[in-house]
Protein backbone atom coordinates (compact mmCIF):
# COMPACT_ATOMS: atom_id res chain seq x y z
CA MET A 1 9.59 209.09 43.83
CA LYS A 2 13.33 208.80 44.41
CA ILE A 3 14.86 205.32 44.70
CA VAL A 4 18.51 204.63 45.53
CA ILE A 5 19.88 201.16 44.73
CA ALA A 6 23.11 200.05 46.42
CA GLY A 7 24.83 197.36 44.39
CA ALA A 8 25.19 196.86 40.62
CA GLY A 9 25.12 193.06 40.67
CA GLU A 10 22.50 191.16 38.67
CA VAL A 11 19.66 191.98 41.09
CA GLY A 12 20.55 195.66 41.27
CA VAL A 13 21.06 196.02 37.52
CA HIS A 14 17.84 194.16 36.68
CA LEU A 15 15.93 196.33 39.13
CA ALA A 16 17.54 199.53 37.82
CA LYS A 17 16.64 198.62 34.23
CA LEU A 18 13.08 197.81 35.26
CA LEU A 19 12.53 201.00 37.24
CA SER A 20 14.34 203.27 34.79
CA LYS A 21 11.38 202.82 32.43
CA GLU A 22 9.12 204.39 35.03
CA ASP A 23 8.66 208.05 35.82
CA LEU A 24 11.02 207.69 38.79
CA ASP A 25 14.26 209.23 39.99
CA ILE A 26 16.66 206.25 40.09
CA VAL A 27 20.20 206.37 41.51
CA LEU A 28 22.52 203.33 41.38
CA ILE A 29 25.64 203.17 43.59
CA ASP A 30 28.56 200.79 43.04
CA THR A 31 32.34 200.66 42.70
CA ASP A 32 32.17 199.00 39.24
CA VAL A 33 32.99 201.94 36.95
CA GLU A 34 32.44 200.07 33.66
CA THR A 35 28.99 198.72 34.59
CA LEU A 36 27.83 202.12 35.82
CA ARG A 37 29.13 203.86 32.71
CA TRP A 38 27.22 201.42 30.47
CA LEU A 39 23.99 201.81 32.47
CA ASP A 40 24.35 205.58 32.55
CA SER A 41 24.54 205.77 28.77
CA ASN A 42 21.75 203.27 28.04
CA TYR A 43 19.10 203.87 30.71
CA ASN A 44 17.25 206.76 32.29
CA LEU A 45 19.02 206.80 35.64
CA MET A 46 21.85 208.43 37.56
CA THR A 47 24.93 206.56 38.80
CA VAL A 48 27.34 207.28 41.65
CA THR A 49 30.73 205.55 41.74
CA GLY A 50 31.88 204.51 45.19
CA SER A 51 31.11 202.31 48.18
CA PRO A 52 27.45 202.31 49.33
CA THR A 53 28.73 202.02 52.92
CA SER A 54 30.56 205.35 52.65
CA ILE A 55 28.70 208.26 54.24
CA HIS A 56 30.31 210.65 51.75
CA ILE A 57 29.09 208.56 48.78
CA LEU A 58 25.58 208.25 50.27
CA GLU A 59 25.45 212.01 50.71
CA GLN A 60 26.64 212.40 47.12
CA ALA A 61 23.70 210.18 46.06
CA ASN A 62 21.41 212.46 48.10
CA VAL A 63 19.90 209.59 50.09
CA SER A 64 18.40 212.12 52.51
CA ASN A 65 15.66 212.68 49.91
CA ALA A 66 15.21 209.00 49.01
CA ASP A 67 11.74 207.51 49.35
CA LEU A 68 13.26 204.02 49.14
CA PHE A 69 16.81 202.81 49.68
CA ILE A 70 17.56 199.24 48.50
CA GLY A 71 20.69 197.32 49.50
CA VAL A 72 21.29 194.43 47.08
CA MET A 73 25.06 193.93 47.28
CA PRO A 74 26.47 190.36 47.52
CA SER A 75 27.25 190.87 51.23
CA GLU A 76 24.27 190.97 53.59
CA THR A 77 26.41 192.74 56.22
CA ARG A 78 27.14 195.60 53.82
CA ASN A 79 23.47 195.76 52.80
CA ILE A 80 22.38 196.10 56.42
CA LEU A 81 25.06 198.70 57.17
CA ALA A 82 24.20 200.71 54.05
CA CYS A 83 20.52 200.70 55.04
CA GLN A 84 21.37 201.83 58.57
CA LEU A 85 23.45 204.73 57.25
CA ALA A 86 20.84 205.68 54.65
CA LYS A 87 18.08 205.70 57.28
CA HIS A 88 20.22 207.82 59.59
CA LEU A 89 20.82 210.26 56.74
CA GLY A 90 17.09 210.60 56.06
CA SER A 91 15.88 207.86 53.67
CA ARG A 92 12.16 207.26 54.27
CA LYS A 93 12.22 203.48 53.82
CA THR A 94 15.05 200.95 53.53
CA VAL A 95 15.21 197.35 52.24
CA ALA A 96 18.14 194.92 52.58
CA ARG A 97 18.80 191.63 50.79
CA ILE A 98 19.99 189.03 53.30
CA ASP A 99 21.32 185.45 53.31
CA ASN A 100 20.34 184.41 56.85
CA TYR A 101 16.83 183.08 57.46
CA GLU A 102 17.19 183.71 61.20
CA TYR A 103 16.84 187.42 60.48
CA MET A 104 13.40 186.81 58.95
CA LEU A 105 11.90 185.36 62.13
CA PRO A 106 9.13 187.59 63.57
CA GLU A 107 10.91 188.01 66.89
CA ASN A 108 13.98 189.42 65.09
CA ARG A 109 12.32 191.74 62.60
CA GLU A 110 11.75 194.47 65.19
CA HIS A 111 15.48 194.50 65.96
CA PHE A 112 16.23 195.39 62.35
CA LYS A 113 13.55 198.09 62.25
CA ALA A 114 15.10 199.63 65.35
CA MET A 115 18.46 199.54 63.55
CA GLY A 116 16.99 201.36 60.53
CA VAL A 117 16.24 198.43 58.20
CA ASP A 118 12.51 198.52 57.43
CA ASP A 119 12.23 195.39 55.28
CA LEU A 120 14.28 192.28 54.51
CA ILE A 121 14.43 190.16 51.36
CA TYR A 122 15.70 186.58 51.52
CA PRO A 123 15.78 185.31 47.89
CA GLU A 124 16.39 181.67 48.87
CA MET A 125 13.17 181.62 50.90
CA LEU A 126 11.21 183.18 48.04
CA ALA A 127 12.60 180.49 45.72
CA ALA A 128 11.74 177.65 48.12
CA GLU A 129 8.17 178.93 48.48
CA GLU A 130 7.88 179.15 44.70
CA MET A 131 9.00 175.53 44.42
CA VAL A 132 6.41 174.30 46.93
CA THR A 133 3.75 176.04 44.84
CA ALA A 134 5.12 174.39 41.67
CA LEU A 135 5.05 170.96 43.32
CA SER A 136 1.54 171.44 44.71
CA HIS A 137 0.15 172.47 41.29
CA ASN A 138 2.47 170.35 39.18
CA TRP A 139 0.47 170.38 35.92
CA ALA A 140 1.04 174.14 35.60
CA ARG A 141 4.23 176.04 34.75
CA ASN A 142 3.20 178.98 36.95
CA TRP A 143 0.57 179.49 39.64
CA PHE A 144 -0.28 182.86 41.17
CA GLU A 145 -3.15 183.44 43.63
CA LEU A 146 -4.77 186.80 44.34
CA CYS A 147 -6.96 187.77 47.28
CA ASN A 148 -6.46 184.52 49.19
CA GLY A 149 -7.05 182.37 46.13
CA GLU A 150 -10.28 183.98 44.92
CA LEU A 151 -8.63 184.72 41.57
CA ILE A 152 -5.88 182.56 40.06
CA LEU A 153 -3.39 183.13 37.25
CA ILE A 154 -2.19 179.85 35.72
CA GLY A 155 0.62 179.45 33.19
CA ALA A 156 0.46 176.21 31.18
CA LYS A 157 2.52 174.95 28.24
CA ILE A 158 0.30 174.01 25.31
CA ARG A 159 1.05 170.70 23.62
CA GLU A 160 -0.49 168.87 20.66
CA ASN A 161 -3.25 167.31 22.81
CA ALA A 162 -4.68 170.65 24.00
CA HIS A 163 -8.28 171.41 23.01
CA ILE A 164 -7.59 175.11 22.49
CA LEU A 165 -4.81 174.61 19.94
CA ASN A 166 -4.90 176.63 16.68
CA GLN A 167 -8.04 178.54 17.62
CA LYS A 168 -8.47 182.30 17.53
CA LEU A 169 -9.12 183.83 20.93
CA PHE A 170 -12.38 185.50 19.90
CA GLU A 171 -13.69 182.06 18.87
CA LEU A 172 -12.76 180.63 22.26
CA ASN A 173 -14.51 183.50 24.00
CA LYS A 174 -17.79 182.59 22.30
CA THR A 175 -17.93 179.22 24.03
CA HIS A 176 -15.76 179.63 27.13
CA LEU A 177 -16.47 182.36 29.66
CA LEU A 178 -14.60 180.51 32.40
CA TYR A 179 -11.29 182.27 31.94
CA HIS A 180 -9.40 185.19 30.42
CA ILE A 181 -6.17 184.63 28.50
CA ALA A 182 -3.91 187.33 29.93
CA ALA A 183 -0.69 186.60 28.03
CA ILE A 184 1.10 184.18 25.74
CA ARG A 185 4.79 183.35 26.05
CA ARG A 186 6.05 182.31 22.59
CA LYS A 187 9.75 181.41 22.37
CA SER A 188 11.51 184.42 23.92
CA GLU A 189 8.62 186.90 23.57
CA THR A 190 5.71 187.68 25.87
CA ILE A 191 2.56 188.69 23.97
CA ILE A 192 -0.46 190.50 25.37
CA PRO A 193 -2.99 188.86 23.01
CA ARG A 194 -5.96 190.24 21.10
CA GLY A 195 -8.98 188.41 19.68
CA SER A 196 -7.30 187.57 16.37
CA ASP A 197 -4.29 185.84 17.99
CA ILE A 198 -4.00 182.05 17.69
CA ILE A 199 -2.62 179.65 20.31
CA GLU A 200 0.19 177.51 18.92
CA ALA A 201 1.84 174.32 20.15
CA GLY A 202 4.73 175.16 22.46
CA ASP A 203 3.15 178.38 23.74
CA ILE A 204 2.98 179.02 27.46
CA VAL A 205 -0.47 180.51 27.97
CA TYR A 206 -1.47 182.47 31.08
CA PHE A 207 -5.12 182.03 32.10
CA THR A 208 -6.98 184.04 34.71
CA THR A 209 -9.76 182.00 36.30
CA THR A 210 -11.64 181.32 39.54
CA PRO A 211 -11.18 178.27 41.82
CA GLU A 212 -14.29 176.47 40.56
CA HIS A 213 -12.95 176.47 36.98
CA ILE A 214 -9.38 175.27 37.60
CA HIS A 215 -10.32 171.77 36.44
CA ASP A 216 -11.78 173.24 33.23
CA ILE A 217 -8.45 174.92 32.44
CA GLN A 218 -6.68 171.65 33.13
CA GLN A 219 -8.93 169.83 30.66
CA LEU A 220 -8.63 172.54 27.99
CA THR A 221 -4.85 172.32 28.14
CA GLY A 222 -4.81 168.51 28.23
CA LYS A 223 -2.90 168.40 31.52
CA ILE A 224 -2.82 165.69 34.19
CA GLU A 225 -2.04 166.40 37.85
CA ILE A 226 0.04 163.88 39.77
CA ASP A 227 0.30 163.27 43.50
CA VAL A 228 3.88 164.28 44.30
CA ARG A 229 5.30 162.13 47.09
CA LYS A 230 8.96 161.43 46.24
CA ILE A 231 11.28 164.31 45.33
CA LEU A 232 14.92 164.05 44.28
CA VAL A 233 16.99 167.24 44.67
CA MET A 234 20.30 167.82 42.92
CA GLY A 235 22.55 170.18 44.93
CA GLY A 236 22.56 170.95 48.64
CA SER A 237 22.19 174.72 48.36
CA ARG A 238 20.58 177.13 50.81
CA ILE A 239 17.40 176.82 48.75
CA ALA A 240 17.45 173.05 49.31
CA ILE A 241 17.71 173.58 53.07
CA ARG A 242 14.81 176.02 53.10
CA LEU A 243 12.75 173.71 50.88
CA ALA A 244 13.35 170.81 53.27
CA ARG A 245 12.00 172.90 56.15
CA ILE A 246 8.81 174.11 54.47
CA LEU A 247 7.90 171.06 52.38
CA PRO A 248 4.43 169.63 53.16
CA GLU A 249 4.47 166.48 55.30
CA SER A 250 2.98 164.46 52.44
CA MET A 251 6.16 165.02 50.38
CA ARG A 252 9.53 163.39 51.03
CA MET A 253 12.77 164.64 49.53
CA LYS A 254 16.29 163.27 49.09
CA ILE A 255 19.35 165.41 48.28
CA ILE A 256 22.28 164.34 46.08
CA GLU A 257 25.34 166.53 46.75
CA ILE A 258 28.74 166.03 45.10
CA ASP A 259 30.79 167.77 47.83
CA LYS A 260 31.43 165.42 50.79
CA ASP A 261 32.05 168.21 53.33
CA ARG A 262 28.83 169.87 52.27
CA CYS A 263 27.03 166.56 52.82
CA TYR A 264 28.14 166.52 56.47
CA GLN A 265 26.93 170.09 56.92
CA LEU A 266 23.56 169.26 55.38
CA ALA A 267 23.18 166.21 57.63
CA GLU A 268 23.58 168.49 60.67
CA LYS A 269 21.19 171.18 59.42
CA ILE A 270 18.43 168.91 58.10
CA PRO A 271 18.91 165.56 59.90
CA ASP A 272 15.56 164.15 58.77
CA ILE A 273 16.47 164.39 55.07
CA PRO A 274 18.53 161.62 53.37
CA ILE A 275 21.77 163.10 51.99
CA ILE A 276 23.58 161.19 49.24
CA ASN A 277 27.20 161.97 48.35
CA GLY A 278 27.36 161.61 44.58
CA ASP A 279 27.14 163.28 41.19
CA ALA A 280 23.52 163.64 40.06
CA CYS A 281 24.78 164.16 36.51
CA ASP A 282 25.80 160.50 36.54
CA THR A 283 22.86 158.41 35.30
CA GLU A 284 24.04 155.42 37.32
CA VAL A 285 23.77 157.49 40.51
CA LEU A 286 20.28 158.63 39.50
CA LEU A 287 19.19 155.04 38.86
CA GLU A 288 20.62 153.89 42.20
CA GLU A 289 18.65 156.61 43.99
CA GLY A 290 15.38 155.66 42.28
CA ILE A 291 14.98 158.32 39.59
CA GLN A 292 12.52 156.07 37.73
CA ASP A 293 10.19 156.03 40.75
CA THR A 294 10.57 159.74 41.50
CA ASP A 295 7.59 162.10 41.14
CA ALA A 296 9.60 165.34 40.95
CA PHE A 297 13.21 166.31 40.26
CA ILE A 298 14.69 169.67 41.30
CA ALA A 299 18.09 170.92 40.09
CA LEU A 300 19.73 173.48 42.40
CA THR A 301 23.43 173.57 41.51
CA ASP A 302 25.36 176.80 40.88
CA SER A 303 25.35 176.08 37.13
CA ALA A 304 22.22 176.96 35.14
CA GLU A 305 23.42 174.81 32.24
CA THR A 306 23.90 171.79 34.53
CA ASN A 307 20.44 172.29 36.03
CA ILE A 308 18.79 172.48 32.61
CA LEU A 309 20.56 169.35 31.34
CA ALA A 310 19.81 167.46 34.56
CA CYS A 311 16.09 168.22 34.24
CA LEU A 312 16.12 167.04 30.62
CA THR A 313 17.77 163.81 31.80
CA ALA A 314 15.15 163.38 34.55
CA LYS A 315 12.40 163.83 31.96
CA ARG A 316 14.03 161.09 29.86
CA PHE A 317 13.72 158.76 32.85
CA GLY A 318 10.00 159.53 33.07
CA VAL A 319 9.89 162.13 35.86
CA ILE A 320 6.67 164.12 35.41
CA LYS A 321 7.57 167.35 37.24
CA THR A 322 10.99 168.99 36.98
CA ILE A 323 12.17 172.35 38.34
CA ALA A 324 15.42 174.09 37.39
CA GLU A 325 17.11 177.00 39.13
CA VAL A 326 18.33 179.22 36.30
CA GLU A 327 20.19 182.22 37.69
CA ASN A 328 21.56 183.39 34.34
CA LEU A 329 18.81 185.72 33.10
CA SER A 330 19.90 185.35 29.48
CA LEU A 331 19.28 181.59 29.65
CA ILE A 332 15.69 181.82 30.88
CA PRO A 333 14.08 182.09 27.39
CA THR A 334 16.08 179.03 26.30
CA ALA A 335 15.11 177.11 29.44
CA GLU A 336 11.44 177.98 28.98
CA GLY A 337 11.54 176.69 25.42
CA LEU A 338 12.80 173.29 26.57
CA ASP A 339 10.80 170.56 28.26
CA ILE A 340 12.12 171.18 31.78
CA GLY A 341 8.98 172.24 33.64
CA SER A 342 9.22 175.22 35.98
CA VAL A 343 12.09 177.73 35.95
CA ILE A 344 13.09 179.50 39.18
CA ASN A 345 15.25 182.62 39.31
CA LYS A 346 16.08 184.24 42.66
CA LYS A 347 16.93 187.57 41.07
CA LEU A 348 13.52 187.95 39.45
CA LEU A 349 11.78 186.88 42.66
CA ALA A 350 13.80 189.41 44.68
CA ALA A 351 13.08 192.17 42.14
CA SER A 352 9.39 191.29 42.26
CA ARG A 353 9.36 191.49 46.04
CA ILE A 354 10.89 194.96 45.80
CA PHE A 355 8.32 195.90 43.17
CA GLN A 356 5.67 194.79 45.65
CA ILE A 357 7.18 197.10 48.27
CA LEU A 358 7.08 199.93 45.72
CA LEU A 359 3.38 199.34 45.08
CA ASP A 360 3.02 199.24 48.88
CA GLU A 361 -0.56 199.91 49.98
CA ASP A 362 -1.84 199.57 46.42
CA SER A 363 -0.73 195.95 46.06
CA SER A 364 -0.78 192.83 48.20
CA ASN A 365 0.99 190.67 45.64
CA ALA A 366 3.40 191.01 42.74
CA LYS A 367 5.80 188.70 41.01
CA CYS A 368 7.65 188.23 37.73
CA LEU A 369 6.44 184.72 36.92
CA ALA A 370 10.06 183.84 36.03
CA LEU A 371 9.80 186.22 33.08
CA SER A 372 12.28 189.01 32.63
CA ASP A 373 9.93 191.27 30.69
CA ALA A 374 6.53 191.08 32.41
CA GLU A 375 4.80 191.69 35.72
CA VAL A 376 1.54 190.61 37.28
CA ALA A 377 0.15 192.66 40.14
CA GLU A 378 -2.95 193.09 42.20
CA LEU A 379 -3.93 196.77 42.31
CA VAL A 380 -6.65 198.48 44.31
CA VAL A 381 -8.65 201.06 42.33
CA LYS A 382 -8.94 204.46 44.02
CA GLU A 383 -11.88 206.84 43.94
CA GLY A 384 -12.04 208.85 40.73
CA ALA A 385 -9.35 206.77 38.97
CA ALA A 386 -9.27 207.01 35.18
CA ILE A 387 -9.98 203.30 34.84
CA THR A 388 -13.46 203.75 36.42
CA LYS A 389 -14.66 206.25 33.82
CA LYS A 390 -15.70 203.83 31.02
CA PRO A 391 -16.28 200.14 30.32
CA VAL A 392 -13.03 198.25 29.64
CA LYS A 393 -13.63 198.11 25.86
CA ASP A 394 -13.77 201.95 25.72
CA LEU A 395 -10.76 202.66 27.94
CA ASP A 396 -8.13 202.63 25.17
CA LEU A 397 -5.76 200.64 27.39
CA PRO A 398 -2.08 200.39 26.40
CA ARG A 399 -1.40 197.60 23.91
CA ASP A 400 0.96 195.83 26.32
CA LEU A 401 -1.45 195.65 29.26
CA THR A 402 -4.47 193.48 30.06
CA LEU A 403 -6.91 193.23 32.96
CA GLY A 404 -7.29 189.54 33.79
CA GLY A 405 -9.89 189.65 36.54
CA LEU A 406 -11.03 191.46 39.65
CA ILE A 407 -12.33 190.98 43.17
CA ARG A 408 -15.39 193.04 44.17
CA ASP A 409 -16.87 192.70 47.65
CA GLY A 410 -14.98 189.45 48.10
CA LYS A 411 -16.28 187.89 44.88
CA ALA A 412 -14.06 187.09 41.87
CA MET A 413 -15.04 188.19 38.36
CA ILE A 414 -13.41 187.56 34.97
CA VAL A 415 -12.96 190.86 33.12
CA ASN A 416 -14.32 191.29 29.60
CA GLY A 417 -14.95 194.27 27.34
CA ASN A 418 -18.25 195.18 29.01
CA THR A 419 -16.86 195.15 32.55
CA GLN A 420 -17.11 198.47 34.39
CA ILE A 421 -14.25 198.83 36.89
CA GLU A 422 -15.32 200.43 40.18
CA ALA A 423 -13.49 202.12 43.04
CA ASN A 424 -12.05 199.68 45.61
CA ASP A 425 -11.99 196.79 43.13
CA HIS A 426 -8.91 194.58 43.43
CA VAL A 427 -7.79 194.15 39.81
CA MET A 428 -5.29 191.63 38.44
CA VAL A 429 -3.08 193.38 35.89
CA PHE A 430 -0.69 191.58 33.54
CA CYS A 431 1.63 193.92 31.70
CA LEU A 432 4.96 194.12 29.98
CA ASN A 433 7.62 196.19 31.71
CA THR A 434 7.28 198.85 29.03
CA VAL A 435 3.95 200.07 30.46
CA LEU A 436 4.46 199.76 34.21
CA HIS A 437 4.62 203.52 34.58
CA LYS A 438 1.05 203.87 33.27
CA LEU A 439 -0.49 201.82 36.10
CA GLU A 440 -0.43 204.68 38.59
CA LYS A 441 -2.25 207.01 36.17
CA LEU A 442 -4.93 204.40 35.41
CA PHE A 443 -5.57 203.28 38.98
CA GLY A 444 -5.19 206.62 40.69
């Protein structure tokens, strides 16, 4: 498969790094000579220096043979134009990152397909949806549903009160068949565990389970769910606007924005939401706006450091659920190690959405779980696939891959060593980026 990426910003570079580990033909186009030179010498991909909206440069990148063309430049106009040109030149499928939610409306999508843009990605909407999920399941760090909620992947931070602390996984498996531990996030490393691994305090553990056993996972991890009603948001960003429009009716939010002109704009766009002109880094402002009675605090400024510190401050005031937007990928491991609740990164969400498009018919869901080195995906097993030949324990699966659960004939099952995978099963796979290329061989 040939994939052409237009734009060597953080989304494009992250995606190029991710896909360069696969058995794929990757081409990255940008005008940034230094970035392209560094990528060219460190990753298995080809680079083309020039504007992705130049027909000559697109021809040089051989987009006529591209299976997928992805426009992820900072400008949505240039992304759309590049996709139009690439489609005209012969690219099979095109995807553009956009900044305007209006384009995502069903009545407008056909216009873009007619123009040559097959799919659109709006990172701010993906982030807002992720936040609603985090607020609705506020005891968990991450929550990922497969097959309409039949199988659930839950990430939870383990503290000193957890019942599963300091136990080897094979010992837990003797008494608990309600879940499968798919991965452990320890400091800055994601571990695909084996039976001899031990769960430590501070770990973020990813459990695969079924809906009837969610409460059991909650008890094992010592977590308490709260009823989120009052939400305080720091920063009137596009994500905040989208969040205000999709938030459940049972939740009420208030936005604190330091820029007065921006406050007036917000009041026009979301008139039902209280907008406060002030600095949410000022504890007096937070106290005036009721931080001590707030159920959830969300930090959405342009500064990852400010968002992290603001969430730590909110925790000090007793806020149970905090969410920080951390756009600096290098800061995510640090943020996860602190007590700031959920971490949201638009770049990872956008890359995951593109990964989902890559999996196409073989996947109905895929996301990065705010991790820069792991993926979780739902894959459909094809007839005669290698993974159907033996029970799981005899498959000699890659060390950095685990099968968390599956859906067969509409019924969820937790996978163990004796499970025999069958054709047409929907299987939840958790894997590090280093083994993504092996999925196609296993699943056919």
